[in-house]
Amino acid sequence: MVTLGKVLLLACCCFGFACCRDGLEFRHHNQAELEQVLLDVAEKCPNITRIYQLENPSVMGAPLLVLEMSDNPGVHEPLEPEFKYVGNIHGNEVVGRELILHLAGYLCDEYQNGNKEIRRLIDTTRIHLLPTANPDGYALAAVEGSKGQWLDGRTNANNVDLNRDFPDLNQLSYSGESEEANPNSYQKMLQVANQFSQMQPETLSIVTWIFDNPFVLSGSLHGGDLVVNYPYDESRSGKPSEEYTSSPDDVTFRQLAIAYVGSTHPGARGAF
């Protein structure tokens, strides 16, 4: 958990501009530029990187590209934890998109420079970086945002909020608490996911990605507010202000949330 926590916190470091000296300019990168950044990192560090696409492209046909970083890219190794970062699921929230690009460059550079901590991180963790889950929304936001239409691009090209397009696993877990079978079984979640035939292609790609890889920790980077969201996100009663809905891993999630906020917004620690 210490190692995975460090992956989580590295993005905070990049946000503070303190450690990301990868030569990449801090500005918006469109889809073509984003793809080139990933290619440049892979070319610079070919032994520890692999670029792959998620199953479905976006509504408008843009590929959802992932940069994998590991000492054995393309291979799941037993007992080696899998971690993923997702950015830009709301197309008009761009900070996470840029953070992930800089994080990729930083990890590559520091691995080559012999940074012991980064080498240990990559040698013992399989890291998956998805800079944008909503390239169509970003493309619209890049045009309309300059006109003051700051909400444009939040959704995908079908005007669906991808962040609210996933199966409701909170309710699945709650409904299964009275059943004899394991309420959180993989097969049951897969059955529920398969029922969502109207799921957007971007969402379906991420759901399939999750089922295909045994991720033990992940983070989705948003913008616009000071919030750390972690399971469970819904209450049993429907009154979240009156009920704290802890998950079985609540202690771990709180520890990660406090570490993350403490690195980026120290004044907010008292909120936890």
Protein backbone atom coordinates (compact mmCIF):
# COMPACT_ATOMS: atom_id res chain seq x y z
CA MET A 1 0.00 0.00 0.00
CA VAL A 2 2.93 2.35 0.63
CA THR A 3 4.11 1.83 -2.95
CA LEU A 4 0.66 2.40 -4.43
CA GLY A 5 0.16 5.45 -2.27
CA LYS A 6 3.33 6.90 -3.75
CA VAL A 7 1.91 6.46 -7.25
CA LEU A 8 -1.14 8.39 -6.12
CA LEU A 9 0.92 11.16 -4.57
CA LEU A 10 3.24 11.60 -7.53
CA ALA A 11 0.44 13.40 -9.36
CA CYS A 12 0.25 15.87 -6.47
CA CYS A 13 3.94 16.54 -6.93
CA CYS A 14 3.37 17.21 -10.63
CA PHE A 15 0.49 19.53 -9.74
CA GLY A 16 2.88 21.58 -7.65
CA PHE A 17 5.33 21.71 -10.56
CA ALA A 18 8.05 20.63 -8.15
CA CYS A 19 9.13 17.37 -9.70
CA CYS A 20 7.94 17.25 -13.31
CA ARG A 21 11.00 18.55 -15.14
CA ASP A 22 10.31 16.45 -18.23
CA GLY A 23 10.60 19.26 -20.77
CA LEU A 24 6.89 19.14 -21.57
CA GLU A 25 5.31 22.57 -21.64
CA PHE A 26 2.51 23.21 -19.14
CA ARG A 27 -0.32 24.01 -21.55
CA HIS A 28 -3.34 22.36 -23.14
CA HIS A 29 -2.54 19.50 -25.52
CA ASN A 30 -5.11 18.57 -28.16
CA GLN A 31 -5.72 14.95 -29.19
CA ALA A 32 -2.95 14.81 -31.77
CA GLU A 33 -0.48 16.41 -29.38
CA LEU A 34 -1.56 14.11 -26.55
CA GLU A 35 -0.94 11.06 -28.71
CA GLN A 36 2.48 12.41 -29.70
CA VAL A 37 3.45 12.96 -26.06
CA LEU A 38 2.62 9.33 -25.28
CA LEU A 39 4.58 8.17 -28.33
CA ASP A 40 7.56 10.32 -27.30
CA VAL A 41 7.59 8.82 -23.80
CA ALA A 42 7.32 5.29 -25.20
CA GLU A 43 10.15 5.96 -27.63
CA LYS A 44 12.33 7.40 -24.90
CA CYS A 45 11.69 4.52 -22.47
CA PRO A 46 10.83 1.54 -24.67
CA ASN A 47 11.84 -1.08 -22.10
CA ILE A 48 9.32 0.04 -19.48
CA THR A 49 6.40 1.29 -21.57
CA ARG A 50 3.61 0.04 -23.80
CA ILE A 51 0.83 2.00 -25.51
CA TYR A 52 -2.49 0.27 -26.07
CA GLN A 53 -6.07 1.26 -26.90
CA LEU A 54 -9.20 0.49 -24.92
CA GLU A 55 -11.78 -1.69 -26.63
CA ASN A 56 -13.98 1.05 -28.09
CA PRO A 57 -13.05 4.49 -29.43
CA SER A 58 -15.04 7.56 -28.47
CA VAL A 59 -18.34 8.40 -30.14
CA MET A 60 -16.46 10.47 -32.70
CA GLY A 61 -13.85 7.79 -33.25
CA ALA A 62 -10.94 9.04 -31.16
CA PRO A 63 -8.87 6.23 -29.60
CA LEU A 64 -8.75 5.94 -25.81
CA LEU A 65 -5.00 5.48 -25.41
CA VAL A 66 -3.34 4.07 -22.32
CA LEU A 67 0.35 4.24 -21.49
CA GLU A 68 1.46 1.28 -19.39
CA MET A 69 4.63 1.60 -17.32
CA SER A 70 6.22 -1.52 -15.84
CA ASP A 71 9.48 -3.46 -15.86
CA ASN A 72 7.64 -6.10 -17.88
CA PRO A 73 5.05 -4.18 -19.96
CA GLY A 74 2.17 -6.18 -21.35
CA VAL A 75 2.39 -8.89 -18.70
CA HIS A 76 0.43 -9.29 -15.48
CA GLU A 77 2.85 -10.66 -12.90
CA PRO A 78 1.49 -12.46 -9.83
CA LEU A 79 1.68 -10.37 -6.64
CA GLU A 80 2.56 -7.23 -8.63
CA PRO A 81 -0.23 -4.69 -8.02
CA GLU A 82 -1.98 -2.99 -10.93
CA PHE A 83 -2.77 0.73 -10.68
CA LYS A 84 -4.63 3.05 -13.03
CA TYR A 85 -5.08 6.79 -13.38
CA VAL A 86 -7.95 8.21 -15.47
CA GLY A 87 -8.13 11.85 -16.51
CA ASN A 88 -10.55 14.13 -18.33
CA ILE A 89 -13.72 12.02 -17.96
CA HIS A 90 -15.43 15.40 -17.94
CA GLY A 91 -14.08 16.93 -21.12
CA ASN A 92 -13.98 20.46 -19.73
CA GLU A 93 -11.92 19.43 -16.69
CA VAL A 94 -8.45 19.45 -18.18
CA VAL A 95 -6.00 19.57 -15.28
CA GLY A 96 -5.98 15.79 -14.77
CA ARG A 97 -5.31 15.26 -18.46
CA GLU A 98 -2.17 17.38 -18.31
CA LEU A 99 -1.04 15.98 -14.96
CA ILE A 100 -1.05 12.46 -16.35
CA LEU A 101 1.02 13.47 -19.38
CA HIS A 102 3.60 15.10 -17.12
CA LEU A 103 3.55 12.16 -14.73
CA ALA A 104 4.36 9.83 -17.62
CA GLY A 105 7.31 11.96 -18.66
CA TYR A 106 8.54 12.27 -15.10
CA LEU A 107 8.44 8.54 -14.44
CA CYS A 108 10.32 7.86 -17.68
CA ASP A 109 13.00 10.48 -17.03
CA GLU A 110 13.56 9.55 -13.40
CA TYR A 111 13.73 5.84 -14.21
CA GLN A 112 16.46 6.56 -16.74
CA ASN A 113 18.23 8.86 -14.29
CA GLY A 114 18.49 6.05 -11.76
CA ASN A 115 16.06 7.47 -9.20
CA LYS A 116 15.89 4.55 -6.75
CA GLU A 117 12.36 5.26 -5.57
CA ILE A 118 10.97 5.55 -9.11
CA ARG A 119 12.84 2.45 -10.24
CA ARG A 120 11.43 0.47 -7.32
CA LEU A 121 7.96 1.82 -8.09
CA ILE A 122 8.01 0.77 -11.73
CA ASP A 123 9.80 -2.52 -11.05
CA THR A 124 7.18 -3.57 -8.49
CA THR A 125 3.97 -1.99 -9.86
CA ARG A 126 2.15 -2.12 -13.19
CA ILE A 127 0.93 1.42 -13.85
CA HIS A 128 -1.73 2.27 -16.46
CA LEU A 129 -2.24 5.93 -17.45
CA LEU A 130 -5.33 7.03 -19.40
CA PRO A 131 -4.92 10.81 -19.94
CA THR A 132 -8.38 11.32 -21.45
CA ALA A 133 -11.54 9.28 -21.15
CA ASN A 134 -13.54 11.92 -23.03
CA PRO A 135 -11.57 13.24 -26.02
CA ASP A 136 -14.74 14.40 -27.79
CA GLY A 137 -15.82 16.51 -24.83
CA TYR A 138 -12.36 18.02 -24.59
CA ALA A 139 -12.38 18.97 -28.28
CA LEU A 140 -15.70 20.79 -27.82
CA ALA A 141 -14.59 22.47 -24.58
CA ALA A 142 -11.40 23.71 -26.24
CA VAL A 143 -13.49 25.61 -28.79
CA GLU A 144 -16.48 26.74 -26.74
CA GLY A 145 -14.61 27.38 -23.50
CA SER A 146 -12.83 30.33 -25.05
CA LYS A 147 -16.27 31.81 -25.75
CA GLY A 148 -17.28 31.63 -22.12
CA GLN A 149 -19.32 28.44 -22.48
CA TRP A 150 -17.45 26.70 -19.69
CA LEU A 151 -19.93 23.81 -19.27
CA ASP A 152 -19.70 22.78 -22.93
CA GLY A 153 -17.68 19.61 -23.32
CA ARG A 154 -18.44 18.25 -19.87
CA THR A 155 -20.39 15.41 -21.50
CA ASN A 156 -19.41 13.22 -24.42
CA ALA A 157 -20.55 13.69 -28.03
CA ASN A 158 -23.92 12.10 -27.18
CA ASN A 159 -24.40 14.65 -24.39
CA VAL A 160 -24.05 11.97 -21.70
CA ASP A 161 -22.16 12.59 -18.45
CA LEU A 162 -19.72 9.67 -18.53
CA ASN A 163 -19.01 9.97 -14.82
CA ARG A 164 -22.65 9.03 -14.16
CA ASP A 165 -22.94 6.38 -16.86
CA PHE A 166 -21.46 3.46 -14.91
CA PRO A 167 -23.44 0.61 -13.29
CA ASP A 168 -24.57 1.46 -9.76
CA LEU A 169 -22.38 -0.95 -7.81
CA ASN A 170 -23.27 0.72 -4.51
CA GLN A 171 -26.87 -0.42 -4.81
CA LEU A 172 -25.72 -3.81 -6.07
CA SER A 173 -23.70 -4.27 -2.91
CA TYR A 174 -26.48 -3.04 -0.64
CA SER A 175 -29.11 -5.23 -2.30
CA GLY A 176 -26.86 -8.26 -1.92
CA GLU A 177 -26.38 -7.84 1.80
CA SER A 178 -29.51 -9.86 2.50
CA GLU A 179 -28.55 -12.64 0.10
CA GLU A 180 -26.63 -15.76 1.01
CA ALA A 181 -24.28 -15.42 -1.94
CA ASN A 182 -21.30 -13.11 -1.85
CA PRO A 183 -22.90 -9.71 -2.64
CA ASN A 184 -19.73 -8.39 -4.25
CA SER A 185 -18.98 -11.38 -6.46
CA TYR A 186 -17.28 -10.69 -9.76
CA GLN A 187 -19.84 -12.69 -11.73
CA LYS A 188 -22.76 -10.77 -10.29
CA MET A 189 -21.19 -7.43 -11.12
CA LEU A 190 -20.44 -8.64 -14.63
CA GLN A 191 -24.06 -9.71 -15.10
CA VAL A 192 -25.26 -6.29 -14.01
CA ALA A 193 -22.79 -4.54 -16.29
CA ASN A 194 -23.91 -6.63 -19.26
CA GLN A 195 -27.46 -5.37 -18.77
CA PHE A 196 -26.42 -1.80 -19.53
CA SER A 197 -26.82 -2.02 -23.31
CA GLN A 198 -27.22 1.76 -23.51
CA MET A 199 -23.85 2.39 -21.92
CA GLN A 200 -21.74 4.90 -23.84
CA PRO A 201 -18.75 3.49 -25.78
CA GLU A 202 -16.26 5.33 -23.58
CA THR A 203 -17.90 3.99 -20.41
CA LEU A 204 -18.15 0.47 -21.78
CA SER A 205 -14.46 0.57 -22.66
CA ILE A 206 -13.52 1.51 -19.10
CA VAL A 207 -15.83 -1.14 -17.60
CA THR A 208 -14.30 -3.80 -19.87
CA TRP A 209 -10.83 -2.54 -18.98
CA ILE A 210 -11.59 -2.92 -15.29
CA PHE A 211 -12.90 -6.47 -15.75
CA ASP A 212 -9.88 -7.43 -17.86
CA ASN A 213 -7.27 -6.15 -15.39
CA PRO A 214 -7.08 -6.83 -11.63
CA PHE A 215 -6.63 -3.21 -10.57
CA VAL A 216 -6.17 -2.89 -6.83
CA LEU A 217 -6.19 0.91 -6.73
CA SER A 218 -7.13 3.71 -9.10
CA GLY A 219 -7.73 7.42 -9.24
CA SER A 220 -9.88 9.60 -11.48
CA LEU A 221 -8.66 13.18 -11.66
CA HIS A 222 -11.32 15.91 -11.88
CA GLY A 223 -11.28 19.68 -11.62
CA GLY A 224 -13.39 22.56 -10.41
CA ASP A 225 -13.85 21.68 -6.74
CA LEU A 226 -11.92 20.51 -3.68
CA VAL A 227 -13.28 16.99 -3.20
CA VAL A 228 -11.83 13.56 -2.59
CA ASN A 229 -14.48 10.98 -3.40
CA TYR A 230 -14.08 7.37 -2.35
CA PRO A 231 -16.41 4.33 -1.86
CA TYR A 232 -19.14 4.14 -0.96
CA ASP A 233 -20.56 7.09 -2.82
CA GLU A 234 -24.24 6.45 -2.09
CA SER A 235 -26.11 5.90 1.16
CA ARG A 236 -28.53 3.08 1.86
CA SER A 237 -31.18 5.52 3.04
CA GLY A 238 -30.78 8.09 0.28
CA LYS A 239 -29.87 10.70 2.92
CA PRO A 240 -26.08 11.06 2.67
CA SER A 241 -26.01 14.02 5.06
CA GLU A 242 -27.40 11.77 7.80
CA GLU A 243 -25.48 8.58 7.09
CA TYR A 244 -21.78 7.86 6.67
CA THR A 245 -21.56 4.99 4.17
CA SER A 246 -18.25 3.33 4.90
CA SER A 247 -16.95 0.53 2.70
CA PRO A 248 -15.02 -2.50 3.96
CA ASP A 249 -11.81 -0.67 2.99
CA ASP A 250 -12.81 2.63 4.60
CA VAL A 251 -9.64 2.97 6.71
CA THR A 252 -7.45 2.56 3.64
CA PHE A 253 -9.48 5.00 1.53
CA ARG A 254 -9.41 7.63 4.27
CA GLN A 255 -5.67 7.22 4.68
CA LEU A 256 -5.13 7.73 0.94
CA ALA A 257 -7.50 10.69 0.83
CA ILE A 258 -5.78 12.41 3.75
CA ALA A 259 -2.34 11.80 2.24
CA TYR A 260 -3.48 13.17 -1.11
CA VAL A 261 -5.14 16.29 0.28
CA GLY A 262 -2.31 16.85 2.72
CA SER A 263 0.11 17.07 -0.20
CA THR A 264 -1.96 19.46 -2.31
CA HIS A 265 -4.20 21.40 0.09
CA PRO A 266 -2.79 21.15 3.64
CA GLY A 267 -5.45 23.49 4.98
CA ALA A 268 -8.19 21.02 4.09
CA ARG A 269 -6.91 18.17 6.27
CA GLY A 270 -9.31 19.04 9.06
CA ALA A 271 -12.27 18.11 6.85
CA PHE A 272 -11.51 14.38 7.21
